[in-house]
Amino acid sequence: MVGGFRRMLRGICDGEILLNGQLKIQGSGACLNHILSTHGDFNDKSFLELLVDSEQEHDRFHSFIAAERCVEPDMQSGMPPCLRVSLKGGANTRVGVDIFHVSLSNLYGTGDLFHLLAMRQDSEPQPVPDAQVEDIPRRAISQAMARQMNGSHRAPSCDSGTSACSILQASPHLAEMMFLIDASKKHQHVRQVHLKYEEVSDSTDMPSLRKFIRPTDWESVRSKVKRYAEEASAHRETTEPKYLRPGLCFRVLDDPRKYMFARVAKLSARADSGQGHVWLYLTDFMAPECRAPSVDLEGISEAQG
């Protein structure tokens, strides 16, 4: 029962974790990696270690957990208590999270008191900190020093595109780039960009749809794309495009902490859809920080597996 409830929470919030009586995380806590932009296993790690280093913050959390134990039985049918906390995110960032708490006594027959926390990430963008020396790979530092020493021998315009190129080449598996350029403009504006990546299985540094989708929408979007790909593979000649209704929230490319809403989100089959490849076309964008309803796929019932 608890497992089913936790699974339901993943569909309506950004994450959930279970703490034991010592406030240690039970399980890998995979949702924390998405919220904190980290990569790690949080099993048996104290939740207090994730809070920012502030005595006041720790005291507030202890009081919040303790208060739930004092709730009268006739009050337990209401909304669970909520607390705004600041967690330590990746790259020395602070991540604001709203935490909802429910205590579970004698869980698994242990006689101990457990704590179920549902988490909703603050929609406000977090400031990006300056890179620390220890965060910069040695190779990058040596290359930067070499460029600085040779700077007097290079044309002033050579560095004008460094930032843009580094973004496009963020993945080591980038194989091809193609630009549609408007040569009639003074700076020759780029109107379209196409990127092609090498086929690499299960690589963590490959671009993936999951990295662009809002965490609370991911499972729904994943299942719908998978079903459409299976349909296109089985009926390649007759498969029609499908629309994600009423649209799709997608990360802003130059500010991944924000989301923009595409009113039109269309799936279509590729010629080699037998390999599971489909196109996702997005257009008619709304302003960032959208709060869009759950997506639905026209023509496919939600009840299907």
C-alpha atoms as a PDB file:
ATOM      1  CA  MET A   1       0.000   0.000   0.000  1.00  0.00           C
ATOM      2  CA  VAL A   2       2.781   2.417   0.920  1.00  0.00           C
ATOM      3  CA  GLY A   3       4.602   1.523  -2.303  1.00  0.00           C
ATOM      4  CA  GLY A   4       1.527   2.336  -4.403  1.00  0.00           C
ATOM      5  CA  PHE A   5       1.026   5.627  -2.571  1.00  0.00           C
ATOM      6  CA  ARG A   6       4.648   6.612  -3.181  1.00  0.00           C
ATOM      7  CA  ARG A   7       4.296   5.788  -6.870  1.00  0.00           C
ATOM      8  CA  MET A   8       1.218   8.026  -7.071  1.00  0.00           C
ATOM      9  CA  LEU A   9       3.150  10.867  -5.401  1.00  0.00           C
ATOM     10  CA  ARG A  10       5.782  10.720  -8.168  1.00  0.00           C
ATOM     11  CA  GLY A  11       3.078  11.668 -10.650  1.00  0.00           C
ATOM     12  CA  ILE A  12       1.881  14.773  -8.806  1.00  0.00           C
ATOM     13  CA  CYS A  13       5.048  16.199  -7.253  1.00  0.00           C
ATOM     14  CA  ASP A  14       8.721  16.526  -8.151  1.00  0.00           C
ATOM     15  CA  GLY A  15       9.842  13.731  -5.838  1.00  0.00           C
ATOM     16  CA  GLU A  16       9.262  11.722  -2.673  1.00  0.00           C
ATOM     17  CA  ILE A  17      11.559  10.060  -0.156  1.00  0.00           C
ATOM     18  CA  LEU A  18      11.147   7.920   2.930  1.00  0.00           C
ATOM     19  CA  LEU A  19      13.160   8.647   6.084  1.00  0.00           C
ATOM     20  CA  ASN A  20      13.650   6.312   9.029  1.00  0.00           C
ATOM     21  CA  GLY A  21      13.567   7.370  12.676  1.00  0.00           C
ATOM     22  CA  GLN A  22      17.140   8.705  12.388  1.00  0.00           C
ATOM     23  CA  LEU A  23      16.082  10.839   9.387  1.00  0.00           C
ATOM     24  CA  LYS A  24      18.162   8.707   7.013  1.00  0.00           C
ATOM     25  CA  ILE A  25      16.960   8.215   3.455  1.00  0.00           C
ATOM     26  CA  GLN A  26      15.577   4.761   2.654  1.00  0.00           C
ATOM     27  CA  GLY A  27      16.318   3.770  -0.938  1.00  0.00           C
ATOM     28  CA  SER A  28      18.391   5.439  -3.625  1.00  0.00           C
ATOM     29  CA  GLY A  29      16.399   8.703  -3.602  1.00  0.00           C
ATOM     30  CA  ALA A  30      16.741   8.994  -7.382  1.00  0.00           C
ATOM     31  CA  CYS A  31      14.355  11.955  -7.514  1.00  0.00           C
ATOM     32  CA  LEU A  32      16.890  14.019  -5.560  1.00  0.00           C
ATOM     33  CA  ASN A  33      19.326  13.836  -8.478  1.00  0.00           C
ATOM     34  CA  HIS A  34      16.753  15.584 -10.696  1.00  0.00           C
ATOM     35  CA  ILE A  35      15.905  18.211  -8.090  1.00  0.00           C
ATOM     36  CA  LEU A  36      19.502  18.940  -7.034  1.00  0.00           C
ATOM     37  CA  SER A  37      21.148  18.424 -10.469  1.00  0.00           C
ATOM     38  CA  THR A  38      23.488  15.810  -8.983  1.00  0.00           C
ATOM     39  CA  HIS A  39      24.446  12.207  -9.635  1.00  0.00           C
ATOM     40  CA  GLY A  40      24.613   9.911  -6.637  1.00  0.00           C
ATOM     41  CA  ASP A  41      23.051   7.295  -4.395  1.00  0.00           C
ATOM     42  CA  PHE A  42      21.420   8.774  -1.286  1.00  0.00           C
ATOM     43  CA  ASN A  43      20.590   5.480   0.419  1.00  0.00           C
ATOM     44  CA  ASP A  44      21.151   5.661   4.204  1.00  0.00           C
ATOM     45  CA  LYS A  45      22.317   9.262   3.946  1.00  0.00           C
ATOM     46  CA  SER A  46      20.999  11.694   6.561  1.00  0.00           C
ATOM     47  CA  PHE A  47      18.533  14.154   5.068  1.00  0.00           C
ATOM     48  CA  LEU A  48      20.047  16.822   7.303  1.00  0.00           C
ATOM     49  CA  GLU A  49      23.213  16.654   5.177  1.00  0.00           C
ATOM     50  CA  LEU A  50      21.191  17.903   2.193  1.00  0.00           C
ATOM     51  CA  LEU A  51      20.028  21.045   4.000  1.00  0.00           C
ATOM     52  CA  VAL A  52      22.120  24.182   3.612  1.00  0.00           C
ATOM     53  CA  ASP A  53      24.699  24.623   6.370  1.00  0.00           C
ATOM     54  CA  SER A  54      22.573  26.715   8.688  1.00  0.00           C
ATOM     55  CA  GLU A  55      21.752  25.943  12.309  1.00  0.00           C
ATOM     56  CA  GLN A  56      18.455  27.773  11.925  1.00  0.00           C
ATOM     57  CA  GLU A  57      17.523  25.666   8.889  1.00  0.00           C
ATOM     58  CA  HIS A  58      18.277  22.434  10.776  1.00  0.00           C
ATOM     59  CA  ASP A  59      16.276  23.567  13.811  1.00  0.00           C
ATOM     60  CA  ARG A  60      13.285  24.463  11.634  1.00  0.00           C
ATOM     61  CA  PHE A  61      13.347  21.031  10.009  1.00  0.00           C
ATOM     62  CA  HIS A  62      13.595  19.212  13.368  1.00  0.00           C
ATOM     63  CA  SER A  63      10.629  21.226  14.692  1.00  0.00           C
ATOM     64  CA  PHE A  64       8.662  20.512  11.510  1.00  0.00           C
ATOM     65  CA  ILE A  65       9.193  16.739  11.838  1.00  0.00           C
ATOM     66  CA  ALA A  66       8.430  16.735  15.550  1.00  0.00           C
ATOM     67  CA  ALA A  67       5.218  18.750  15.117  1.00  0.00           C
ATOM     68  CA  GLU A  68       3.581  15.982  13.060  1.00  0.00           C
ATOM     69  CA  ARG A  69       3.835  13.586  15.998  1.00  0.00           C
ATOM     70  CA  CYS A  70       1.686  15.932  18.076  1.00  0.00           C
ATOM     71  CA  VAL A  71      -1.202  16.155  15.593  1.00  0.00           C
ATOM     72  CA  GLU A  72      -4.515  15.082  17.085  1.00  0.00           C
ATOM     73  CA  PRO A  73      -6.172  12.037  15.427  1.00  0.00           C
ATOM     74  CA  ASP A  74      -9.168  14.097  14.277  1.00  0.00           C
ATOM     75  CA  MET A  75      -6.793  16.526  12.500  1.00  0.00           C
ATOM     76  CA  GLN A  76      -4.956  13.880  10.502  1.00  0.00           C
ATOM     77  CA  SER A  77      -7.578  13.861   7.746  1.00  0.00           C
ATOM     78  CA  GLY A  78      -6.628  17.389   6.683  1.00  0.00           C
ATOM     79  CA  MET A  79      -3.765  18.666   4.538  1.00  0.00           C
ATOM     80  CA  PRO A  80      -0.282  17.524   5.592  1.00  0.00           C
ATOM     81  CA  PRO A  81       1.987  20.249   6.984  1.00  0.00           C
ATOM     82  CA  CYS A  82       4.360  22.004   4.584  1.00  0.00           C
ATOM     83  CA  LEU A  83       7.779  23.592   5.086  1.00  0.00           C
ATOM     84  CA  ARG A  84       9.950  25.571   2.657  1.00  0.00           C
ATOM     85  CA  VAL A  85      13.605  24.497   2.919  1.00  0.00           C
ATOM     86  CA  SER A  86      16.814  25.238   1.046  1.00  0.00           C
ATOM     87  CA  LEU A  87      18.771  22.217  -0.167  1.00  0.00           C
ATOM     88  CA  LYS A  88      22.372  22.067  -1.351  1.00  0.00           C
ATOM     89  CA  GLY A  89      22.249  21.582  -5.121  1.00  0.00           C
ATOM     90  CA  GLY A  90      25.000  20.763  -7.557  1.00  0.00           C
ATOM     91  CA  ALA A  91      27.704  23.349  -8.336  1.00  0.00           C
ATOM     92  CA  ASN A  92      27.202  25.066  -4.957  1.00  0.00           C
ATOM     93  CA  THR A  93      23.635  26.189  -5.718  1.00  0.00           C
ATOM     94  CA  ARG A  94      20.680  26.520  -3.345  1.00  0.00           C
ATOM     95  CA  VAL A  95      17.467  24.779  -4.368  1.00  0.00           C
ATOM     96  CA  GLY A  96      14.210  25.907  -2.783  1.00  0.00           C
ATOM     97  CA  VAL A  97      11.837  23.007  -2.080  1.00  0.00           C
ATOM     98  CA  ASP A  98       8.406  22.774  -0.433  1.00  0.00           C
ATOM     99  CA  ILE A  99       8.255  19.644   1.735  1.00  0.00           C
ATOM    100  CA  PHE A 100       5.022  17.910   2.789  1.00  0.00           C
ATOM    101  CA  HIS A 101       5.340  15.473   5.682  1.00  0.00           C
ATOM    102  CA  VAL A 102       3.361  12.457   6.881  1.00  0.00           C
ATOM    103  CA  SER A 103       4.610  10.222   9.711  1.00  0.00           C
ATOM    104  CA  LEU A 104       4.189   6.443   9.409  1.00  0.00           C
ATOM    105  CA  SER A 105       4.319   4.455  12.620  1.00  0.00           C
ATOM    106  CA  ASN A 106       5.301   0.776  12.809  1.00  0.00           C
ATOM    107  CA  LEU A 107       6.058   0.659   9.071  1.00  0.00           C
ATOM    108  CA  TYR A 108       7.094  -2.812   7.850  1.00  0.00           C
ATOM    109  CA  GLY A 109       6.373  -4.079  11.368  1.00  0.00           C
ATOM    110  CA  THR A 110       9.604  -2.604  12.732  1.00  0.00           C
ATOM    111  CA  GLY A 111       7.950  -0.597  15.491  1.00  0.00           C
ATOM    112  CA  ASP A 112       9.904   2.467  14.319  1.00  0.00           C
ATOM    113  CA  LEU A 113       8.495   5.802  13.194  1.00  0.00           C
ATOM    114  CA  PHE A 114       9.159   6.632   9.519  1.00  0.00           C
ATOM    115  CA  HIS A 115       8.625   9.895   7.667  1.00  0.00           C
ATOM    116  CA  LEU A 116       7.284  10.213   4.110  1.00  0.00           C
ATOM    117  CA  LEU A 117       8.277  13.485   2.445  1.00  0.00           C
ATOM    118  CA  ALA A 118       6.743  14.742  -0.796  1.00  0.00           C
ATOM    119  CA  MET A 119       8.777  17.487  -2.476  1.00  0.00           C
ATOM    120  CA  ARG A 120       7.802  20.269  -4.854  1.00  0.00           C
ATOM    121  CA  GLN A 121      10.648  22.290  -6.322  1.00  0.00           C
ATOM    122  CA  ASP A 122      10.477  26.076  -6.321  1.00  0.00           C
ATOM    123  CA  SER A 123       9.604  27.259  -9.832  1.00  0.00           C
ATOM    124  CA  GLU A 124      11.730  30.391  -9.453  1.00  0.00           C
ATOM    125  CA  PRO A 125      15.082  30.116 -11.281  1.00  0.00           C
ATOM    126  CA  GLN A 126      18.130  29.750  -9.047  1.00  0.00           C
ATOM    127  CA  PRO A 127      21.232  31.900  -9.586  1.00  0.00           C
ATOM    128  CA  VAL A 128      24.083  30.123 -11.279  1.00  0.00           C
ATOM    129  CA  PRO A 129      27.275  30.486  -9.199  1.00  0.00           C
ATOM    130  CA  ASP A 130      30.701  31.295 -10.541  1.00  0.00           C
ATOM    131  CA  ALA A 131      32.790  28.226 -11.230  1.00  0.00           C
ATOM    132  CA  GLN A 132      35.263  27.339  -8.511  1.00  0.00           C
ATOM    133  CA  VAL A 133      38.815  26.378  -9.408  1.00  0.00           C
ATOM    134  CA  GLU A 134      38.342  22.861  -8.065  1.00  0.00           C
ATOM    135  CA  ASP A 135      35.298  22.403 -10.348  1.00  0.00           C
ATOM    136  CA  ILE A 136      37.290  23.127 -13.521  1.00  0.00           C
ATOM    137  CA  PRO A 137      39.074  20.175 -15.155  1.00  0.00           C
ATOM    138  CA  ARG A 138      42.850  20.527 -15.250  1.00  0.00           C
ATOM    139  CA  ARG A 139      42.849  20.121 -19.000  1.00  0.00           C
ATOM    140  CA  ALA A 140      40.485  23.094 -19.391  1.00  0.00           C
ATOM    141  CA  ILE A 141      42.689  25.231 -17.154  1.00  0.00           C
ATOM    142  CA  SER A 142      45.826  24.365 -19.125  1.00  0.00           C
ATOM    143  CA  GLN A 143      44.059  25.099 -22.419  1.00  0.00           C
ATOM    144  CA  ALA A 144      42.837  28.448 -21.102  1.00  0.00           C
ATOM    145  CA  MET A 145      46.345  29.371 -19.988  1.00  0.00           C
ATOM    146  CA  ALA A 146      47.725  28.397 -23.383  1.00  0.00           C
ATOM    147  CA  ARG A 147      45.136  30.560 -25.154  1.00  0.00           C
ATOM    148  CA  GLN A 148      45.970  33.475 -22.883  1.00  0.00           C
ATOM    149  CA  MET A 149      49.703  33.163 -23.627  1.00  0.00           C
ATOM    150  CA  ASN A 150      49.069  32.937 -27.360  1.00  0.00           C
ATOM    151  CA  GLY A 151      46.369  35.596 -27.408  1.00  0.00           C
ATOM    152  CA  SER A 152      48.624  38.256 -28.906  1.00  0.00           C
ATOM    153  CA  HIS A 153      49.161  36.047 -31.962  1.00  0.00           C
ATOM    154  CA  ARG A 154      45.469  35.579 -32.709  1.00  0.00           C
ATOM    155  CA  ALA A 155      42.975  37.812 -34.456  1.00  0.00           C
ATOM    156  CA  PRO A 156      40.540  39.657 -32.145  1.00  0.00           C
ATOM    157  CA  SER A 157      37.557  37.964 -33.808  1.00  0.00           C
ATOM    158  CA  CYS A 158      38.764  34.425 -33.074  1.00  0.00           C
ATOM    159  CA  ASP A 159      37.104  34.241 -29.656  1.00  0.00           C
ATOM    160  CA  SER A 160      33.758  35.732 -30.687  1.00  0.00           C
ATOM    161  CA  GLY A 161      32.137  32.314 -31.171  1.00  0.00           C
ATOM    162  CA  THR A 162      33.822  30.379 -28.361  1.00  0.00           C
ATOM    163  CA  SER A 163      30.815  30.473 -26.050  1.00  0.00           C
ATOM    164  CA  ALA A 164      28.315  29.352 -28.679  1.00  0.00           C
ATOM    165  CA  CYS A 165      30.538  26.557 -29.954  1.00  0.00           C
ATOM    166  CA  SER A 166      31.195  25.198 -26.463  1.00  0.00           C
ATOM    167  CA  ILE A 167      27.444  24.923 -25.900  1.00  0.00           C
ATOM    168  CA  LEU A 168      26.843  23.075 -29.148  1.00  0.00           C
ATOM    169  CA  GLN A 169      29.756  20.723 -28.480  1.00  0.00           C
ATOM    170  CA  ALA A 170      28.763  19.991 -24.883  1.00  0.00           C
ATOM    171  CA  SER A 171      28.287  16.306 -25.702  1.00  0.00           C
ATOM    172  CA  PRO A 172      31.377  14.337 -26.807  1.00  0.00           C
ATOM    173  CA  HIS A 173      29.124  12.299 -29.114  1.00  0.00           C
ATOM    174  CA  LEU A 174      28.205  15.207 -31.403  1.00  0.00           C
ATOM    175  CA  ALA A 175      28.921  14.001 -34.955  1.00  0.00           C
ATOM    176  CA  GLU A 176      27.512  16.631 -37.348  1.00  0.00           C
ATOM    177  CA  MET A 177      26.143  20.188 -37.345  1.00  0.00           C
ATOM    178  CA  MET A 178      24.230  21.958 -40.093  1.00  0.00           C
ATOM    179  CA  PHE A 179      23.182  25.638 -40.132  1.00  0.00           C
ATOM    180  CA  LEU A 180      20.677  27.551 -42.255  1.00  0.00           C
ATOM    181  CA  ILE A 181      22.198  31.035 -42.484  1.00  0.00           C
ATOM    182  CA  ASP A 182      20.574  34.285 -43.581  1.00  0.00           C
ATOM    183  CA  ALA A 183      23.493  35.839 -45.449  1.00  0.00           C
ATOM    184  CA  SER A 184      21.520  39.025 -46.152  1.00  0.00           C
ATOM    185  CA  LYS A 185      21.901  40.143 -42.511  1.00  0.00           C
ATOM    186  CA  LYS A 186      24.953  41.999 -41.248  1.00  0.00           C
ATOM    187  CA  HIS A 187      25.857  39.251 -38.761  1.00  0.00           C
ATOM    188  CA  GLN A 188      24.403  36.470 -40.967  1.00  0.00           C
ATOM    189  CA  HIS A 189      21.708  35.241 -38.612  1.00  0.00           C
ATOM    190  CA  VAL A 190      21.302  31.516 -38.017  1.00  0.00           C
ATOM    191  CA  ARG A 191      17.710  30.539 -38.858  1.00  0.00           C
ATOM    192  CA  GLN A 192      17.929  26.779 -38.261  1.00  0.00           C
ATOM    193  CA  VAL A 193      20.369  24.432 -36.524  1.00  0.00           C
ATOM    194  CA  HIS A 194      20.467  20.660 -36.969  1.00  0.00           C
ATOM    195  CA  LEU A 195      22.623  18.457 -34.748  1.00  0.00           C
ATOM    196  CA  LYS A 196      23.393  14.783 -35.256  1.00  0.00           C
ATOM    197  CA  TYR A 197      24.810  12.531 -32.540  1.00  0.00           C
ATOM    198  CA  GLU A 198      26.581   9.203 -32.722  1.00  0.00           C
ATOM    199  CA  GLU A 199      24.664   6.088 -31.713  1.00  0.00           C
ATOM    200  CA  VAL A 200      25.764   5.379 -28.138  1.00  0.00           C
ATOM    201  CA  SER A 201      23.841   3.071 -25.822  1.00  0.00           C
ATOM    202  CA  ASP A 202      23.117   4.115 -22.218  1.00  0.00           C
ATOM    203  CA  SER A 203      25.523   7.067 -22.152  1.00  0.00           C
ATOM    204  CA  THR A 204      24.809   9.554 -19.358  1.00  0.00           C
ATOM    205  CA  ASP A 205      26.260  12.499 -21.304  1.00  0.00           C
ATOM    206  CA  MET A 206      24.019  12.010 -24.351  1.00  0.00           C
ATOM    207  CA  PRO A 207      21.141  14.466 -24.857  1.00  0.00           C
ATOM    208  CA  SER A 208      17.865  12.764 -23.904  1.00  0.00           C
ATOM    209  CA  LEU A 209      14.213  13.754 -23.933  1.00  0.00           C
ATOM    210  CA  ARG A 210      14.036  13.194 -20.186  1.00  0.00           C
ATOM    211  CA  LYS A 211      16.480  16.060 -19.591  1.00  0.00           C
ATOM    212  CA  PHE A 212      14.108  18.496 -21.327  1.00  0.00           C
ATOM    213  CA  ILE A 213      10.776  17.368 -19.844  1.00  0.00           C
ATOM    214  CA  ARG A 214       9.341  18.599 -16.545  1.00  0.00           C
ATOM    215  CA  PRO A 215       9.859  15.844 -13.919  1.00  0.00           C
ATOM    216  CA  THR A 216       6.165  15.600 -13.092  1.00  0.00           C
ATOM    217  CA  ASP A 217       5.336  15.101 -16.799  1.00  0.00           C
ATOM    218  CA  TRP A 218       8.128  12.677 -17.665  1.00  0.00           C
ATOM    219  CA  GLU A 219       6.447   9.313 -17.018  1.00  0.00           C
ATOM    220  CA  SER A 220       3.350  10.342 -18.955  1.00  0.00           C
ATOM    221  CA  VAL A 221       5.351  11.708 -21.907  1.00  0.00           C
ATOM    222  CA  ARG A 222       7.725   8.713 -21.926  1.00  0.00           C
ATOM    223  CA  SER A 223       4.902   6.172 -22.137  1.00  0.00           C
ATOM    224  CA  LYS A 224       3.107   8.080 -24.900  1.00  0.00           C
ATOM    225  CA  VAL A 225       6.224   8.459 -27.051  1.00  0.00           C
ATOM    226  CA  LYS A 226       7.029   4.769 -26.559  1.00  0.00           C
ATOM    227  CA  ARG A 227       3.512   3.684 -27.542  1.00  0.00           C
ATOM    228  CA  TYR A 228       3.577   5.870 -30.638  1.00  0.00           C
ATOM    229  CA  ALA A 229       6.982   4.464 -31.674  1.00  0.00           C
ATOM    230  CA  GLU A 230       5.659   0.912 -31.278  1.00  0.00           C
ATOM    231  CA  GLU A 231       2.596   1.772 -33.360  1.00  0.00           C
ATOM    232  CA  ALA A 232       4.764   3.386 -36.057  1.00  0.00           C
ATOM    233  CA  SER A 233       7.049   0.338 -36.128  1.00  0.00           C
ATOM    234  CA  ALA A 234       4.129  -2.059 -36.563  1.00  0.00           C
ATOM    235  CA  HIS A 235       2.209   0.071 -39.097  1.00  0.00           C
ATOM    236  CA  ARG A 236       4.892   2.126 -40.795  1.00  0.00           C
ATOM    237  CA  GLU A 237       2.901   3.013 -43.902  1.00  0.00           C
ATOM    238  CA  THR A 238      -0.364   3.994 -42.218  1.00  0.00           C
ATOM    239  CA  THR A 239       0.698   5.676 -38.968  1.00  0.00           C
ATOM    240  CA  GLU A 240      -0.596   9.250 -38.785  1.00  0.00           C
ATOM    241  CA  PRO A 241       0.977  12.060 -36.716  1.00  0.00           C
ATOM    242  CA  LYS A 242      -0.303  12.351 -33.158  1.00  0.00           C
ATOM    243  CA  TYR A 243      -0.561  15.427 -30.971  1.00  0.00           C
ATOM    244  CA  LEU A 244       0.252  15.703 -27.279  1.00  0.00           C
ATOM    245  CA  ARG A 245      -2.754  17.508 -25.821  1.00  0.00           C
ATOM    246  CA  PRO A 246      -2.960  20.287 -24.773  1.00  0.00           C
ATOM    247  CA  GLY A 247       0.766  20.796 -25.439  1.00  0.00           C
ATOM    248  CA  LEU A 248       4.093  20.226 -23.716  1.00  0.00           C
ATOM    249  CA  CYS A 249       6.296  21.961 -21.156  1.00  0.00           C
ATOM    250  CA  PHE A 250       9.914  22.006 -22.358  1.00  0.00           C
ATOM    251  CA  ARG A 251      13.068  23.361 -20.725  1.00  0.00           C
ATOM    252  CA  VAL A 252      14.280  26.727 -22.001  1.00  0.00           C
ATOM    253  CA  LEU A 253      17.515  25.932 -23.826  1.00  0.00           C
ATOM    254  CA  ASP A 254      19.486  28.903 -22.499  1.00  0.00           C
ATOM    255  CA  ASP A 255      18.007  28.693 -18.982  1.00  0.00           C
ATOM    256  CA  PRO A 256      17.262  25.048 -18.086  1.00  0.00           C
ATOM    257  CA  ARG A 257      15.674  26.026 -14.748  1.00  0.00           C
ATOM    258  CA  LYS A 258      12.741  27.531 -16.657  1.00  0.00           C
ATOM    259  CA  TYR A 259      10.143  25.874 -18.861  1.00  0.00           C
ATOM    260  CA  MET A 260       8.364  27.151 -21.934  1.00  0.00           C
ATOM    261  CA  PHE A 261       5.013  25.769 -23.072  1.00  0.00           C
ATOM    262  CA  ALA A 262       4.576  24.580 -26.653  1.00  0.00           C
ATOM    263  CA  ARG A 263       0.901  24.748 -27.581  1.00  0.00           C
ATOM    264  CA  VAL A 264       1.634  22.422 -30.505  1.00  0.00           C
ATOM    265  CA  ALA A 265       3.549  19.214 -29.772  1.00  0.00           C
ATOM    266  CA  LYS A 266       3.378  16.677 -32.597  1.00  0.00           C
ATOM    267  CA  LEU A 267       4.809  13.163 -32.921  1.00  0.00           C
ATOM    268  CA  SER A 268       5.415  11.796 -36.409  1.00  0.00           C
ATOM    269  CA  ALA A 269       7.004   8.623 -37.760  1.00  0.00           C
ATOM    270  CA  ARG A 270      10.441   8.655 -39.338  1.00  0.00           C
ATOM    271  CA  ALA A 271      11.170   6.584 -42.430  1.00  0.00           C
ATOM    272  CA  ASP A 272      13.227   4.129 -40.371  1.00  0.00           C
ATOM    273  CA  SER A 273      10.681   4.018 -37.521  1.00  0.00           C
ATOM    274  CA  GLY A 274      11.320   0.301 -37.301  1.00  0.00           C
ATOM    275  CA  GLN A 275      14.324   1.291 -35.184  1.00  0.00           C
ATOM    276  CA  GLY A 276      12.109   3.182 -32.739  1.00  0.00           C
ATOM    277  CA  HIS A 277      12.929   6.642 -34.149  1.00  0.00           C
ATOM    278  CA  VAL A 278      10.160   9.265 -34.170  1.00  0.00           C
ATOM    279  CA  TRP A 279      10.094  13.022 -34.667  1.00  0.00           C
ATOM    280  CA  LEU A 280       8.874  15.429 -31.952  1.00  0.00           C
ATOM    281  CA  TYR A 281       7.870  18.808 -33.380  1.00  0.00           C
ATOM    282  CA  LEU A 282       7.203  21.764 -31.042  1.00  0.00           C
ATOM    283  CA  THR A 283       5.917  25.227 -31.935  1.00  0.00           C
ATOM    284  CA  ASP A 284       3.617  28.087 -30.820  1.00  0.00           C
ATOM    285  CA  PHE A 285       5.497  28.768 -27.589  1.00  0.00           C
ATOM    286  CA  MET A 286       4.209  30.568 -24.512  1.00  0.00           C
ATOM    287  CA  ALA A 287       6.317  32.491 -21.997  1.00  0.00           C
ATOM    288  CA  PRO A 288       8.620  30.515 -19.648  1.00  0.00           C
ATOM    289  CA  GLU A 289       7.596  29.322 -16.179  1.00  0.00           C
ATOM    290  CA  CYS A 290       4.373  27.768 -17.434  1.00  0.00           C
ATOM    291  CA  ARG A 291       2.070  25.698 -15.243  1.00  0.00           C
ATOM    292  CA  ALA A 292       0.491  23.492 -17.863  1.00  0.00           C
ATOM    293  CA  PRO A 293      -1.967  20.641 -17.210  1.00  0.00           C
ATOM    294  CA  SER A 294      -0.948  17.027 -17.800  1.00  0.00           C
ATOM    295  CA  VAL A 295      -0.461  16.070 -21.421  1.00  0.00           C
ATOM    296  CA  ASP A 296      -2.681  13.647 -23.279  1.00  0.00           C
ATOM    297  CA  LEU A 297      -2.159  11.913 -26.596  1.00  0.00           C
ATOM    298  CA  GLU A 298      -4.963  12.246 -29.078  1.00  0.00           C
ATOM    299  CA  GLY A 299      -6.299   8.913 -30.291  1.00  0.00           C
ATOM    300  CA  ILE A 300      -4.647   6.747 -27.609  1.00  0.00           C
ATOM    301  CA  SER A 301      -6.423   5.787 -24.417  1.00  0.00           C
ATOM    302  CA  GLU A 302      -4.694   6.403 -21.068  1.00  0.00           C
ATOM    303  CA  ALA A 303      -5.825   2.960 -19.922  1.00  0.00           C
ATOM    304  CA  GLN A 304      -3.447   1.221 -22.319  1.00  0.00           C
ATOM    305  CA  GLY A 305      -0.176  -0.066 -20.912  1.00  0.00           C
END
